[in-house]
Amino acid sequence: MSNSIVLTRIDDRLIHGQVMTSWLNYTSATKIMVVDDRSAQDPFLKTVLKNAVPKNVGLGVFTAEKAANRLIKGFPESDRVIILVKYPATICKMMKLGVKFDKVNIGGMGAAKNREKFYKNISASEEEKEMLKTMIDAGTKVEIQIIAEDAAVDVSKLL
């Protein structure tokens, strides 16, 4: 993974206050890459996401396949990119397409049908836990860290 990637985050809310304040400041990101097949196909959602980002930060909304191609191609070293996805499945899909992730941050996986709480406000289904294990087995460090100021929690110790 390129040094240009400053954060890869699973957060089912995508862009919201924690991302905009804590993580943008902490990473000094210049671009945000939202990877979500549904959002990429919805012009209204894309507009909402673009309006939620400061004007000095670039934003692209991609399908997993297009994002994987873009990540494999790489970014200029001057770019500082945050990758945001809603679900662990999106990371796994990009990994199957050849993308290597050094580290994945979990910031928001809320309660839902088939999900059970496994750390504070973070919930996951059995299938999602298996996906997190797959990431870890592939050499990706997976951590829970809601805001940059929080201590990171190693997910491999929770599964």
N, C-alpha and C. Protein backbone atom coordinates (compact mmCIF):
# COMPACT_ATOMS: atom_id res chain seq x y z
N MET A 1 0.86 -1.18 0.00
CA MET A 1 0.00 0.00 0.00
C MET A 1 0.89 1.23 0.00
N SER A 2 0.53 2.17 -0.76
CA SER A 2 1.27 3.42 -0.92
C SER A 2 1.34 4.19 0.39
N ASN A 3 2.43 4.93 0.56
CA ASN A 3 2.57 5.82 1.71
C ASN A 3 1.53 6.94 1.68
N SER A 4 0.88 7.13 0.55
CA SER A 4 -0.13 8.17 0.42
C SER A 4 -1.40 7.84 1.20
N ILE A 5 -1.62 6.56 1.51
CA ILE A 5 -2.81 6.16 2.27
C ILE A 5 -2.52 6.39 3.75
N VAL A 6 -3.24 7.34 4.34
CA VAL A 6 -2.97 7.70 5.74
C VAL A 6 -3.97 7.05 6.71
N LEU A 7 -5.07 6.52 6.19
CA LEU A 7 -6.06 5.85 7.03
C LEU A 7 -7.00 5.05 6.15
N THR A 8 -7.22 3.79 6.53
CA THR A 8 -8.25 2.96 5.91
C THR A 8 -9.22 2.62 7.02
N ARG A 9 -10.46 3.04 6.89
CA ARG A 9 -11.42 2.97 8.00
C ARG A 9 -12.74 2.32 7.59
N ILE A 10 -13.21 1.40 8.43
CA ILE A 10 -14.55 0.83 8.29
C ILE A 10 -15.45 1.64 9.22
N ASP A 11 -16.43 2.31 8.64
CA ASP A 11 -17.35 3.12 9.43
C ASP A 11 -18.67 3.18 8.68
N ASP A 12 -19.70 2.55 9.23
CA ASP A 12 -20.96 2.47 8.49
C ASP A 12 -21.65 3.81 8.32
N ARG A 13 -21.13 4.85 8.97
CA ARG A 13 -21.68 6.20 8.77
C ARG A 13 -20.88 6.98 7.72
N LEU A 14 -19.79 6.40 7.24
CA LEU A 14 -18.89 7.03 6.26
C LEU A 14 -18.40 8.38 6.75
N ILE A 15 -18.90 9.48 6.21
CA ILE A 15 -18.41 10.81 6.58
C ILE A 15 -19.35 11.41 7.62
N HIS A 16 -18.78 11.74 8.77
CA HIS A 16 -19.55 12.37 9.85
C HIS A 16 -18.58 13.13 10.74
N GLY A 17 -19.04 13.68 11.83
CA GLY A 17 -18.23 14.56 12.68
C GLY A 17 -16.88 14.02 13.09
N GLN A 18 -16.83 12.75 13.54
CA GLN A 18 -15.54 12.18 13.98
C GLN A 18 -14.53 12.14 12.85
N VAL A 19 -14.98 11.77 11.67
CA VAL A 19 -14.06 11.72 10.53
C VAL A 19 -13.60 13.13 10.17
N MET A 20 -14.55 14.04 10.12
CA MET A 20 -14.23 15.40 9.67
C MET A 20 -13.34 16.15 10.67
N THR A 21 -13.54 15.95 11.95
CA THR A 21 -12.75 16.71 12.92
C THR A 21 -11.50 15.94 13.34
N SER A 22 -11.68 14.84 14.01
CA SER A 22 -10.55 14.09 14.57
C SER A 22 -9.60 13.55 13.49
N TRP A 23 -10.13 12.78 12.55
CA TRP A 23 -9.25 12.07 11.62
C TRP A 23 -8.66 12.97 10.53
N LEU A 24 -9.42 13.93 10.03
CA LEU A 24 -8.85 14.85 9.04
C LEU A 24 -7.69 15.63 9.65
N ASN A 25 -7.87 16.12 10.86
CA ASN A 25 -6.79 16.87 11.52
C ASN A 25 -5.60 15.97 11.82
N TYR A 26 -5.86 14.78 12.34
CA TYR A 26 -4.79 13.86 12.74
C TYR A 26 -3.95 13.41 11.55
N THR A 27 -4.60 13.15 10.42
CA THR A 27 -3.89 12.62 9.25
C THR A 27 -3.41 13.68 8.27
N SER A 28 -3.93 14.90 8.40
CA SER A 28 -3.68 15.96 7.40
C SER A 28 -4.04 15.49 5.99
N ALA A 29 -5.13 14.74 5.89
CA ALA A 29 -5.55 14.18 4.60
C ALA A 29 -5.92 15.28 3.61
N THR A 30 -5.58 15.03 2.35
CA THR A 30 -5.94 15.94 1.26
C THR A 30 -7.07 15.37 0.40
N LYS A 31 -7.31 14.06 0.54
CA LYS A 31 -8.35 13.40 -0.25
C LYS A 31 -9.05 12.35 0.59
N ILE A 32 -10.32 12.15 0.30
CA ILE A 32 -11.08 11.06 0.90
C ILE A 32 -11.63 10.21 -0.23
N MET A 33 -11.41 8.90 -0.11
CA MET A 33 -11.90 7.94 -1.09
C MET A 33 -12.98 7.11 -0.39
N VAL A 34 -14.25 7.37 -0.73
CA VAL A 34 -15.35 6.57 -0.19
C VAL A 34 -15.54 5.39 -1.13
N VAL A 35 -15.53 4.18 -0.56
CA VAL A 35 -15.68 2.98 -1.37
C VAL A 35 -16.96 2.27 -0.91
N ASP A 36 -17.99 2.40 -1.72
CA ASP A 36 -19.28 1.81 -1.40
C ASP A 36 -20.06 1.69 -2.71
N ASP A 37 -20.34 0.47 -3.11
CA ASP A 37 -20.99 0.24 -4.41
C ASP A 37 -22.31 1.01 -4.52
N ARG A 38 -23.12 0.99 -3.47
CA ARG A 38 -24.43 1.67 -3.54
C ARG A 38 -24.26 3.18 -3.65
N SER A 39 -23.42 3.75 -2.81
CA SER A 39 -23.22 5.21 -2.85
C SER A 39 -22.65 5.66 -4.19
N ALA A 40 -21.78 4.83 -4.77
CA ALA A 40 -21.15 5.19 -6.05
C ALA A 40 -22.17 5.27 -7.18
N GLN A 41 -23.29 4.55 -7.03
CA GLN A 41 -24.33 4.54 -8.07
C GLN A 41 -25.43 5.56 -7.82
N ASP A 42 -25.35 6.29 -6.70
CA ASP A 42 -26.43 7.20 -6.30
C ASP A 42 -25.97 8.65 -6.35
N PRO A 43 -26.37 9.41 -7.39
CA PRO A 43 -25.91 10.80 -7.52
C PRO A 43 -26.27 11.67 -6.31
N PHE A 44 -27.44 11.44 -5.71
CA PHE A 44 -27.83 12.23 -4.54
C PHE A 44 -26.89 11.97 -3.37
N LEU A 45 -26.62 10.69 -3.08
CA LEU A 45 -25.70 10.36 -1.98
C LEU A 45 -24.31 10.94 -2.23
N LYS A 46 -23.86 10.88 -3.47
CA LYS A 46 -22.55 11.45 -3.80
C LYS A 46 -22.52 12.95 -3.50
N THR A 47 -23.59 13.65 -3.84
CA THR A 47 -23.67 15.09 -3.57
C THR A 47 -23.67 15.36 -2.07
N VAL A 48 -24.42 14.58 -1.31
CA VAL A 48 -24.46 14.74 0.14
C VAL A 48 -23.06 14.54 0.73
N LEU A 49 -22.37 13.49 0.30
CA LEU A 49 -21.02 13.22 0.80
C LEU A 49 -20.07 14.36 0.44
N LYS A 50 -20.14 14.84 -0.80
CA LYS A 50 -19.25 15.94 -1.22
C LYS A 50 -19.50 17.20 -0.41
N ASN A 51 -20.76 17.47 -0.08
CA ASN A 51 -21.09 18.66 0.70
C ASN A 51 -20.67 18.55 2.16
N ALA A 52 -20.38 17.34 2.62
CA ALA A 52 -19.98 17.13 4.02
C ALA A 52 -18.48 17.29 4.23
N VAL A 53 -17.74 17.46 3.13
CA VAL A 53 -16.28 17.52 3.19
C VAL A 53 -15.81 18.97 2.99
N PRO A 54 -14.81 19.41 3.75
CA PRO A 54 -14.28 20.77 3.54
C PRO A 54 -13.83 20.95 2.09
N LYS A 55 -13.94 22.17 1.59
CA LYS A 55 -13.63 22.47 0.19
C LYS A 55 -12.18 22.15 -0.19
N ASN A 56 -11.27 22.20 0.80
CA ASN A 56 -9.85 21.95 0.51
C ASN A 56 -9.50 20.46 0.51
N VAL A 57 -10.49 19.60 0.69
CA VAL A 57 -10.26 18.15 0.70
C VAL A 57 -11.00 17.54 -0.49
N GLY A 58 -10.27 16.82 -1.33
CA GLY A 58 -10.90 16.17 -2.47
C GLY A 58 -11.69 14.96 -2.03
N LEU A 59 -12.74 14.63 -2.77
CA LEU A 59 -13.56 13.46 -2.45
C LEU A 59 -13.91 12.72 -3.72
N GLY A 60 -13.73 11.40 -3.68
CA GLY A 60 -14.18 10.54 -4.76
C GLY A 60 -15.01 9.42 -4.16
N VAL A 61 -16.07 9.02 -4.86
CA VAL A 61 -16.92 7.92 -4.41
C VAL A 61 -16.84 6.83 -5.47
N PHE A 62 -16.38 5.64 -5.05
CA PHE A 62 -16.03 4.57 -5.98
C PHE A 62 -16.74 3.27 -5.64
N THR A 63 -16.96 2.44 -6.65
CA THR A 63 -17.31 1.04 -6.40
C THR A 63 -16.03 0.36 -5.91
N ALA A 64 -16.17 -0.81 -5.31
CA ALA A 64 -14.99 -1.54 -4.82
C ALA A 64 -14.04 -1.86 -5.97
N GLU A 65 -14.59 -2.23 -7.11
CA GLU A 65 -13.75 -2.59 -8.26
C GLU A 65 -12.96 -1.38 -8.77
N LYS A 66 -13.63 -0.25 -8.93
CA LYS A 66 -12.92 0.96 -9.41
C LYS A 66 -11.91 1.44 -8.38
N ALA A 67 -12.26 1.34 -7.10
CA ALA A 67 -11.33 1.74 -6.05
C ALA A 67 -10.09 0.86 -6.06
N ALA A 68 -10.28 -0.45 -6.22
CA ALA A 68 -9.14 -1.36 -6.25
C ALA A 68 -8.20 -1.00 -7.40
N ASN A 69 -8.77 -0.73 -8.57
CA ASN A 69 -7.94 -0.33 -9.71
C ASN A 69 -7.17 0.95 -9.41
N ARG A 70 -7.84 1.90 -8.79
CA ARG A 70 -7.20 3.19 -8.46
C ARG A 70 -6.10 2.99 -7.42
N LEU A 71 -6.35 2.15 -6.42
CA LEU A 71 -5.36 1.91 -5.37
C LEU A 71 -4.14 1.17 -5.92
N ILE A 72 -4.37 0.23 -6.81
CA ILE A 72 -3.25 -0.51 -7.41
C ILE A 72 -2.41 0.43 -8.27
N LYS A 73 -3.07 1.35 -8.97
CA LYS A 73 -2.35 2.35 -9.78
C LYS A 73 -1.51 3.26 -8.90
N GLY A 74 -2.02 3.59 -7.72
CA GLY A 74 -1.28 4.42 -6.77
C GLY A 74 -1.61 5.89 -6.88
N PHE A 75 -1.11 6.63 -5.90
CA PHE A 75 -1.32 8.07 -5.81
C PHE A 75 0.03 8.77 -5.79
N PRO A 76 0.08 10.03 -6.19
CA PRO A 76 1.32 10.80 -6.04
C PRO A 76 1.70 10.86 -4.55
N GLU A 77 2.99 10.89 -4.27
CA GLU A 77 3.45 10.92 -2.87
C GLU A 77 2.92 12.12 -2.11
N SER A 78 2.59 13.21 -2.81
CA SER A 78 2.09 14.41 -2.14
C SER A 78 0.66 14.24 -1.63
N ASP A 79 -0.07 13.26 -2.15
CA ASP A 79 -1.44 13.02 -1.70
C ASP A 79 -1.44 12.33 -0.33
N ARG A 80 -2.44 12.67 0.48
CA ARG A 80 -2.67 12.03 1.77
C ARG A 80 -4.14 11.60 1.76
N VAL A 81 -4.35 10.28 1.62
CA VAL A 81 -5.68 9.77 1.31
C VAL A 81 -6.26 8.95 2.47
N ILE A 82 -7.51 9.27 2.81
CA ILE A 82 -8.30 8.45 3.74
C ILE A 82 -9.23 7.58 2.89
N ILE A 83 -9.24 6.28 3.15
CA ILE A 83 -10.17 5.36 2.50
C ILE A 83 -11.27 5.05 3.51
N LEU A 84 -12.52 5.27 3.12
CA LEU A 84 -13.67 4.99 3.99
C LEU A 84 -14.56 3.94 3.34
N VAL A 85 -14.89 2.90 4.09
CA VAL A 85 -15.84 1.88 3.63
C VAL A 85 -16.88 1.66 4.72
N LYS A 86 -18.04 1.14 4.34
CA LYS A 86 -19.09 0.85 5.33
C LYS A 86 -18.91 -0.51 5.98
N TYR A 87 -18.39 -1.47 5.23
CA TYR A 87 -18.43 -2.86 5.67
C TYR A 87 -17.08 -3.57 5.48
N PRO A 88 -16.78 -4.54 6.35
CA PRO A 88 -15.57 -5.35 6.15
C PRO A 88 -15.55 -6.04 4.79
N ALA A 89 -16.72 -6.41 4.28
CA ALA A 89 -16.80 -7.10 2.99
C ALA A 89 -16.17 -6.28 1.87
N THR A 90 -16.25 -4.96 1.96
CA THR A 90 -15.67 -4.09 0.92
C THR A 90 -14.16 -4.20 0.93
N ILE A 91 -13.56 -4.23 2.12
CA ILE A 91 -12.11 -4.41 2.22
C ILE A 91 -11.72 -5.76 1.64
N CYS A 92 -12.45 -6.82 2.02
CA CYS A 92 -12.14 -8.16 1.52
C CYS A 92 -12.26 -8.24 0.00
N LYS A 93 -13.27 -7.58 -0.55
CA LYS A 93 -13.44 -7.58 -2.01
C LYS A 93 -12.24 -6.92 -2.68
N MET A 94 -11.78 -5.79 -2.13
CA MET A 94 -10.62 -5.11 -2.73
C MET A 94 -9.36 -5.96 -2.57
N MET A 95 -9.24 -6.68 -1.45
CA MET A 95 -8.08 -7.56 -1.26
C MET A 95 -8.08 -8.66 -2.32
N LYS A 96 -9.24 -9.23 -2.61
CA LYS A 96 -9.35 -10.27 -3.64
C LYS A 96 -8.98 -9.72 -5.01
N LEU A 97 -9.16 -8.41 -5.20
CA LEU A 97 -8.82 -7.77 -6.47
C LEU A 97 -7.35 -7.32 -6.51
N GLY A 98 -6.58 -7.64 -5.45
CA GLY A 98 -5.14 -7.38 -5.47
C GLY A 98 -4.64 -6.24 -4.61
N VAL A 99 -5.51 -5.62 -3.82
CA VAL A 99 -5.08 -4.51 -2.96
C VAL A 99 -4.57 -5.08 -1.65
N LYS A 100 -3.44 -4.57 -1.18
CA LYS A 100 -2.87 -4.96 0.11
C LYS A 100 -3.08 -3.80 1.08
N PHE A 101 -3.63 -4.11 2.23
CA PHE A 101 -3.83 -3.10 3.28
C PHE A 101 -2.90 -3.40 4.44
N ASP A 102 -2.09 -2.42 4.84
CA ASP A 102 -1.21 -2.60 5.99
C ASP A 102 -2.00 -2.56 7.28
N LYS A 103 -2.94 -1.62 7.35
CA LYS A 103 -3.71 -1.43 8.58
C LYS A 103 -5.12 -1.00 8.23
N VAL A 104 -6.10 -1.54 8.98
CA VAL A 104 -7.50 -1.15 8.83
C VAL A 104 -8.01 -0.73 10.20
N ASN A 105 -8.66 0.42 10.23
CA ASN A 105 -9.22 0.99 11.44
C ASN A 105 -10.73 0.74 11.43
N ILE A 106 -11.26 0.25 12.54
CA ILE A 106 -12.72 0.12 12.67
C ILE A 106 -13.18 1.26 13.56
N GLY A 107 -14.08 2.08 13.02
CA GLY A 107 -14.57 3.22 13.77
C GLY A 107 -16.05 3.16 14.04
N GLY A 108 -16.79 2.46 13.23
CA GLY A 108 -18.22 2.39 13.43
C GLY A 108 -18.83 1.20 12.72
N MET A 109 -19.26 0.23 13.51
CA MET A 109 -20.04 -0.90 13.00
C MET A 109 -21.17 -1.07 14.01
N GLY A 110 -22.29 -0.43 13.71
CA GLY A 110 -23.39 -0.38 14.66
C GLY A 110 -24.20 -1.66 14.73
N ALA A 111 -25.07 -1.70 15.72
CA ALA A 111 -25.96 -2.85 15.91
C ALA A 111 -26.86 -3.00 14.69
N ALA A 112 -27.09 -4.24 14.32
CA ALA A 112 -27.98 -4.55 13.20
C ALA A 112 -28.38 -6.01 13.32
N LYS A 113 -29.34 -6.40 12.51
CA LYS A 113 -29.77 -7.80 12.49
C LYS A 113 -28.56 -8.69 12.19
N ASN A 114 -28.44 -9.77 12.90
CA ASN A 114 -27.34 -10.75 12.76
C ASN A 114 -26.02 -10.26 13.35
N ARG A 115 -25.97 -9.03 13.86
CA ARG A 115 -24.74 -8.53 14.48
C ARG A 115 -24.84 -8.61 16.00
N GLU A 116 -23.72 -8.93 16.64
CA GLU A 116 -23.68 -8.87 18.10
C GLU A 116 -22.52 -8.00 18.51
N LYS A 117 -22.67 -7.36 19.67
CA LYS A 117 -21.64 -6.46 20.16
C LYS A 117 -20.38 -7.27 20.49
N PHE A 118 -19.21 -6.80 20.01
CA PHE A 118 -17.99 -7.47 20.43
C PHE A 118 -16.97 -6.52 21.04
N TYR A 119 -17.20 -5.22 20.99
CA TYR A 119 -16.35 -4.28 21.72
C TYR A 119 -17.08 -2.94 21.80
N LYS A 120 -17.44 -2.54 23.00
CA LYS A 120 -18.15 -1.27 23.22
C LYS A 120 -19.28 -1.10 22.21
N ASN A 121 -19.22 -0.06 21.36
CA ASN A 121 -20.30 0.17 20.40
C ASN A 121 -20.05 -0.49 19.04
N ILE A 122 -19.08 -1.38 18.98
CA ILE A 122 -18.76 -2.07 17.73
C ILE A 122 -19.44 -3.44 17.72
N SER A 123 -20.20 -3.70 16.67
CA SER A 123 -20.90 -4.98 16.53
C SER A 123 -20.50 -5.62 15.21
N ALA A 124 -20.59 -6.94 15.17
CA ALA A 124 -20.27 -7.65 13.93
C ALA A 124 -21.02 -8.97 13.89
N SER A 125 -21.35 -9.39 12.69
CA SER A 125 -21.95 -10.72 12.50
C SER A 125 -20.82 -11.75 12.52
N GLU A 126 -21.18 -13.01 12.61
CA GLU A 126 -20.16 -14.07 12.56
C GLU A 126 -19.41 -14.00 11.23
N GLU A 127 -20.13 -13.73 10.15
CA GLU A 127 -19.50 -13.62 8.83
C GLU A 127 -18.51 -12.46 8.79
N GLU A 128 -18.88 -11.33 9.40
CA GLU A 128 -17.97 -10.18 9.43
C GLU A 128 -16.74 -10.47 10.30
N LYS A 129 -16.93 -11.20 11.39
CA LYS A 129 -15.78 -11.59 12.23
C LYS A 129 -14.81 -12.46 11.42
N GLU A 130 -15.36 -13.36 10.61
CA GLU A 130 -14.51 -14.19 9.74
C GLU A 130 -13.75 -13.33 8.74
N MET A 131 -14.41 -12.30 8.22
CA MET A 131 -13.74 -11.38 7.28
C MET A 131 -12.60 -10.64 7.98
N LEU A 132 -12.82 -10.21 9.22
CA LEU A 132 -11.75 -9.54 9.97
C LEU A 132 -10.59 -10.50 10.19
N LYS A 133 -10.89 -11.78 10.50
CA LYS A 133 -9.83 -12.79 10.66
C LYS A 133 -9.07 -12.97 9.35
N THR A 134 -9.79 -12.97 8.23
CA THR A 134 -9.15 -13.11 6.91
C THR A 134 -8.16 -11.97 6.68
N MET A 135 -8.57 -10.74 7.03
CA MET A 135 -7.68 -9.59 6.89
C MET A 135 -6.43 -9.77 7.74
N ILE A 136 -6.63 -10.17 9.00
CA ILE A 136 -5.50 -10.36 9.92
C ILE A 136 -4.58 -11.46 9.41
N ASP A 137 -5.16 -12.57 8.95
CA ASP A 137 -4.36 -13.68 8.42
C ASP A 137 -3.56 -13.28 7.19
N ALA A 138 -4.04 -12.27 6.45
CA ALA A 138 -3.34 -11.77 5.26
C ALA A 138 -2.25 -10.76 5.62
N GLY A 139 -2.08 -10.50 6.92
CA GLY A 139 -1.02 -9.58 7.35
C GLY A 139 -1.48 -8.16 7.59
N THR A 140 -2.78 -7.93 7.58
CA THR A 140 -3.32 -6.59 7.84
C THR A 140 -3.53 -6.43 9.34
N LYS A 141 -3.04 -5.34 9.90
CA LYS A 141 -3.30 -5.02 11.30
C LYS A 141 -4.68 -4.39 11.37
N VAL A 142 -5.58 -4.97 12.16
CA VAL A 142 -6.94 -4.46 12.28
C VAL A 142 -7.12 -3.94 13.71
N GLU A 143 -7.53 -2.68 13.80
CA GLU A 143 -7.67 -2.03 15.11
C GLU A 143 -9.01 -1.31 15.21
N ILE A 144 -9.51 -1.22 16.44
CA ILE A 144 -10.66 -0.37 16.73
C ILE A 144 -10.12 0.91 17.33
N GLN A 145 -10.50 2.02 16.74
CA GLN A 145 -10.09 3.33 17.24
C GLN A 145 -11.13 4.34 16.74
N ILE A 146 -12.02 4.74 17.64
CA ILE A 146 -13.14 5.58 17.24
C ILE A 146 -12.65 6.96 16.78
N ILE A 147 -11.87 7.62 17.62
CA ILE A 147 -11.26 8.90 17.24
C ILE A 147 -9.76 8.78 17.41
N ALA A 148 -9.02 9.65 16.76
CA ALA A 148 -7.56 9.57 16.74
C ALA A 148 -6.96 9.63 18.14
N GLU A 149 -7.63 10.34 19.03
CA GLU A 149 -7.10 10.51 20.38
C GLU A 149 -7.27 9.27 21.25
N ASP A 150 -8.11 8.33 20.84
CA ASP A 150 -8.31 7.08 21.59
C ASP A 150 -7.13 6.14 21.39
N ALA A 151 -6.91 5.28 22.38
CA ALA A 151 -5.92 4.21 22.22
C ALA A 151 -6.50 3.18 21.25
N ALA A 152 -5.66 2.66 20.37
CA ALA A 152 -6.10 1.63 19.42
C ALA A 152 -6.21 0.29 20.15
N VAL A 153 -7.24 -0.48 19.79
CA VAL A 153 -7.46 -1.81 20.36
C VAL A 153 -7.24 -2.83 19.25
N ASP A 154 -6.35 -3.79 19.49
CA ASP A 154 -6.01 -4.82 18.51
C ASP A 154 -7.16 -5.82 18.39
N VAL A 155 -7.78 -5.87 17.23
CA VAL A 155 -8.94 -6.74 17.01
C VAL A 155 -8.55 -8.22 17.10
N SER A 156 -7.32 -8.57 16.76
CA SER A 156 -6.93 -9.98 16.81
C SER A 156 -7.05 -10.55 18.22
N LYS A 157 -6.99 -9.71 19.23
CA LYS A 157 -7.13 -10.16 20.62
C LYS A 157 -8.59 -10.31 21.04
N LEU A 158 -9.52 -9.82 20.21
CA LEU A 158 -10.94 -9.87 20.54
C LEU A 158 -11.68 -11.00 19.83
N LEU A 159 -11.09 -11.54 18.77
CA LEU A 159 -11.78 -12.55 17.97
C LEU A 159 -11.52 -13.96 18.48
